Amino acid sequence: MNNQYDREDRDLIPVEGNTTLKRDSFSKAIINTDKNAYEKYISLRDQRSKEREEIESIKSDLAEVKALLSQLAAKL
């Protein structure tokens, strides 16, 4: 199917002053063509997500320990 939005039909025009940025002639969007930078971004994003999950897990564990300590203190 030949769609007006097909990438093959678009011309990418170099952005002045940056070799990795191109302007899509159809949508006028700026596109970063640096695949290494994109892969690095994805890797860092995934790493931050895992770190956030770990922090949330630690918070949950800490809340559980706090509740157990409160119960223990109440029995003394």
N, C-alpha and C. Protein backbone atom coordinates (compact mmCIF):
# COMPACT_ATOMS: atom_id res chain seq x y z
N MET A 1 0.85 -1.19 0.00
CA MET A 1 0.00 0.00 0.00
C MET A 1 0.89 1.25 0.00
N ASN A 2 0.66 2.13 -0.90
CA ASN A 2 1.45 3.35 -0.98
C ASN A 2 0.70 4.47 -0.28
N ASN A 3 1.18 4.87 0.86
CA ASN A 3 0.54 5.86 1.71
C ASN A 3 1.33 7.17 1.63
N GLN A 4 0.63 8.28 1.73
CA GLN A 4 1.31 9.57 1.66
C GLN A 4 2.28 9.78 2.82
N TYR A 5 2.16 8.96 3.88
CA TYR A 5 3.03 9.09 5.04
C TYR A 5 4.21 8.12 5.00
N ASP A 6 4.34 7.33 3.92
CA ASP A 6 5.45 6.39 3.82
C ASP A 6 6.77 7.13 3.88
N ARG A 7 7.69 6.58 4.63
CA ARG A 7 8.99 7.22 4.80
C ARG A 7 9.75 7.34 3.49
N GLU A 8 9.58 6.36 2.59
CA GLU A 8 10.30 6.38 1.33
C GLU A 8 9.95 7.62 0.50
N ASP A 9 8.76 8.14 0.67
CA ASP A 9 8.30 9.27 -0.12
C ASP A 9 8.80 10.61 0.42
N ARG A 10 9.46 10.59 1.57
CA ARG A 10 9.87 11.84 2.22
C ARG A 10 11.32 12.16 1.90
N ASP A 11 11.58 13.43 1.79
CA ASP A 11 12.96 13.90 1.66
C ASP A 11 13.40 14.41 3.02
N LEU A 12 14.58 13.99 3.44
CA LEU A 12 15.15 14.47 4.69
C LEU A 12 16.20 15.53 4.35
N ILE A 13 15.96 16.72 4.84
CA ILE A 13 16.81 17.86 4.54
C ILE A 13 17.74 18.09 5.73
N PRO A 14 19.06 18.13 5.49
CA PRO A 14 20.01 18.36 6.60
C PRO A 14 19.72 19.66 7.33
N VAL A 15 19.85 19.62 8.66
CA VAL A 15 19.68 20.82 9.48
C VAL A 15 21.04 21.50 9.59
N GLU A 16 21.07 22.77 9.33
CA GLU A 16 22.32 23.53 9.35
C GLU A 16 22.95 23.48 10.74
N GLY A 17 24.22 23.16 10.80
CA GLY A 17 24.95 23.18 12.06
C GLY A 17 24.91 21.87 12.83
N ASN A 18 24.21 20.84 12.31
CA ASN A 18 24.14 19.56 13.00
C ASN A 18 24.04 18.44 11.98
N THR A 19 24.99 17.54 12.01
CA THR A 19 25.04 16.48 11.00
C THR A 19 24.06 15.35 11.27
N THR A 20 23.56 15.23 12.49
CA THR A 20 22.66 14.11 12.80
C THR A 20 21.19 14.49 12.79
N LEU A 21 20.88 15.77 12.61
CA LEU A 21 19.49 16.20 12.56
C LEU A 21 19.07 16.46 11.12
N LYS A 22 17.87 15.97 10.78
CA LYS A 22 17.30 16.16 9.45
C LYS A 22 15.87 16.67 9.61
N ARG A 23 15.43 17.47 8.65
CA ARG A 23 14.04 17.94 8.65
C ARG A 23 13.27 17.14 7.61
N ASP A 24 12.14 16.59 8.05
CA ASP A 24 11.25 15.87 7.15
C ASP A 24 10.53 16.90 6.28
N SER A 25 10.68 16.78 4.98
CA SER A 25 10.10 17.78 4.08
C SER A 25 8.57 17.74 4.07
N PHE A 26 7.98 16.60 4.45
CA PHE A 26 6.52 16.49 4.44
C PHE A 26 5.90 17.03 5.73
N SER A 27 6.39 16.53 6.88
CA SER A 27 5.77 16.92 8.15
C SER A 27 6.45 18.12 8.80
N LYS A 28 7.64 18.46 8.31
CA LYS A 28 8.47 19.54 8.86
C LYS A 28 9.06 19.18 10.22
N ALA A 29 8.95 17.93 10.62
CA ALA A 29 9.51 17.47 11.90
C ALA A 29 11.02 17.39 11.80
N ILE A 30 11.68 17.62 12.93
CA ILE A 30 13.13 17.43 13.02
C ILE A 30 13.36 16.00 13.49
N ILE A 31 14.20 15.26 12.78
CA ILE A 31 14.45 13.85 13.08
C ILE A 31 15.93 13.68 13.42
N ASN A 32 16.20 13.06 14.56
CA ASN A 32 17.58 12.75 14.93
C ASN A 32 17.94 11.42 14.30
N THR A 33 18.93 11.40 13.45
CA THR A 33 19.32 10.18 12.75
C THR A 33 20.50 9.47 13.41
N ASP A 34 20.92 9.91 14.59
CA ASP A 34 22.04 9.31 15.30
C ASP A 34 21.56 8.08 16.06
N LYS A 35 21.73 6.91 15.46
CA LYS A 35 21.24 5.66 16.06
C LYS A 35 21.96 5.33 17.36
N ASN A 36 23.26 5.65 17.46
CA ASN A 36 24.00 5.39 18.69
C ASN A 36 23.44 6.20 19.85
N ALA A 37 23.13 7.47 19.61
CA ALA A 37 22.56 8.32 20.65
C ALA A 37 21.19 7.79 21.07
N TYR A 38 20.42 7.31 20.11
CA TYR A 38 19.09 6.76 20.42
C TYR A 38 19.21 5.51 21.28
N GLU A 39 20.13 4.61 20.90
CA GLU A 39 20.33 3.38 21.67
C GLU A 39 20.80 3.70 23.08
N LYS A 40 21.69 4.69 23.22
CA LYS A 40 22.16 5.11 24.53
C LYS A 40 21.00 5.66 25.36
N TYR A 41 20.15 6.48 24.74
CA TYR A 41 18.97 7.02 25.42
C TYR A 41 18.05 5.90 25.93
N ILE A 42 17.78 4.92 25.07
CA ILE A 42 16.91 3.81 25.45
C ILE A 42 17.52 3.04 26.60
N SER A 43 18.82 2.79 26.54
CA SER A 43 19.51 2.06 27.61
C SER A 43 19.42 2.82 28.93
N LEU A 44 19.69 4.13 28.90
CA LEU A 44 19.60 4.93 30.12
C LEU A 44 18.17 5.00 30.65
N ARG A 45 17.21 5.10 29.74
CA ARG A 45 15.81 5.14 30.16
C ARG A 45 15.42 3.85 30.87
N ASP A 46 15.83 2.72 30.30
CA ASP A 46 15.53 1.43 30.91
C ASP A 46 16.22 1.28 32.27
N GLN A 47 17.46 1.75 32.34
CA GLN A 47 18.21 1.68 33.60
C GLN A 47 17.52 2.52 34.67
N ARG A 48 17.09 3.72 34.33
CA ARG A 48 16.39 4.58 35.30
C ARG A 48 15.08 3.94 35.75
N SER A 49 14.40 3.30 34.83
CA SER A 49 13.15 2.63 35.18
C SER A 49 13.40 1.51 36.19
N LYS A 50 14.44 0.72 35.95
CA LYS A 50 14.78 -0.34 36.88
C LYS A 50 15.17 0.22 38.24
N GLU A 51 15.91 1.32 38.24
CA GLU A 51 16.31 1.96 39.49
C GLU A 51 15.08 2.46 40.26
N ARG A 52 14.12 3.05 39.55
CA ARG A 52 12.90 3.52 40.21
C ARG A 52 12.13 2.35 40.83
N GLU A 53 12.06 1.24 40.09
CA GLU A 53 11.38 0.05 40.61
C GLU A 53 12.08 -0.47 41.86
N GLU A 54 13.40 -0.46 41.83
CA GLU A 54 14.16 -0.92 42.98
C GLU A 54 13.94 -0.01 44.19
N ILE A 55 13.92 1.29 43.96
CA ILE A 55 13.67 2.25 45.04
C ILE A 55 12.28 2.02 45.63
N GLU A 56 11.29 1.82 44.78
CA GLU A 56 9.93 1.56 45.27
C GLU A 56 9.89 0.28 46.09
N SER A 57 10.61 -0.73 45.66
CA SER A 57 10.67 -1.99 46.40
C SER A 57 11.32 -1.78 47.76
N ILE A 58 12.39 -1.01 47.81
CA ILE A 58 13.06 -0.72 49.08
C ILE A 58 12.15 0.07 50.00
N LYS A 59 11.41 1.03 49.45
CA LYS A 59 10.46 1.80 50.26
C LYS A 59 9.40 0.89 50.86
N SER A 60 8.90 -0.03 50.05
CA SER A 60 7.89 -0.98 50.53
C SER A 60 8.45 -1.86 51.64
N ASP A 61 9.66 -2.37 51.42
CA ASP A 61 10.31 -3.19 52.45
C ASP A 61 10.52 -2.41 53.73
N LEU A 62 10.94 -1.17 53.61
CA LEU A 62 11.18 -0.33 54.77
C LEU A 62 9.88 -0.07 55.53
N ALA A 63 8.80 0.16 54.81
CA ALA A 63 7.51 0.37 55.46
C ALA A 63 7.08 -0.90 56.21
N GLU A 64 7.35 -2.06 55.63
CA GLU A 64 7.01 -3.32 56.28
C GLU A 64 7.85 -3.51 57.55
N VAL A 65 9.12 -3.21 57.49
CA VAL A 65 10.00 -3.32 58.67
C VAL A 65 9.52 -2.35 59.75
N LYS A 66 9.16 -1.15 59.35
CA LYS A 66 8.67 -0.15 60.31
C LYS A 66 7.40 -0.65 61.01
N ALA A 67 6.49 -1.23 60.22
CA ALA A 67 5.25 -1.75 60.81
C ALA A 67 5.55 -2.90 61.78
N LEU A 68 6.46 -3.78 61.41
CA LEU A 68 6.83 -4.89 62.30
C LEU A 68 7.49 -4.40 63.57
N LEU A 69 8.33 -3.40 63.47
CA LEU A 69 8.96 -2.82 64.65
C LEU A 69 7.91 -2.16 65.56
N SER A 70 6.95 -1.52 64.96
CA SER A 70 5.87 -0.89 65.76
C SER A 70 5.07 -1.96 66.50
N GLN A 71 4.79 -3.07 65.82
CA GLN A 71 4.08 -4.16 66.48
C GLN A 71 4.91 -4.75 67.62
N LEU A 72 6.17 -4.93 67.39
CA LEU A 72 7.06 -5.48 68.40
C LEU A 72 7.15 -4.56 69.61
N ALA A 73 7.27 -3.26 69.34
CA ALA A 73 7.36 -2.27 70.43
C ALA A 73 6.07 -2.25 71.23
N ALA A 74 4.94 -2.46 70.59
CA ALA A 74 3.65 -2.43 71.27
C ALA A 74 3.52 -3.64 72.21
N LYS A 75 4.17 -4.74 71.89
CA LYS A 75 4.09 -5.95 72.72
C LYS A 75 5.02 -5.88 73.93
N LEU A 76 5.97 -4.96 73.91
CA LEU A 76 6.92 -4.87 75.02
C LEU A 76 6.40 -4.08 76.16
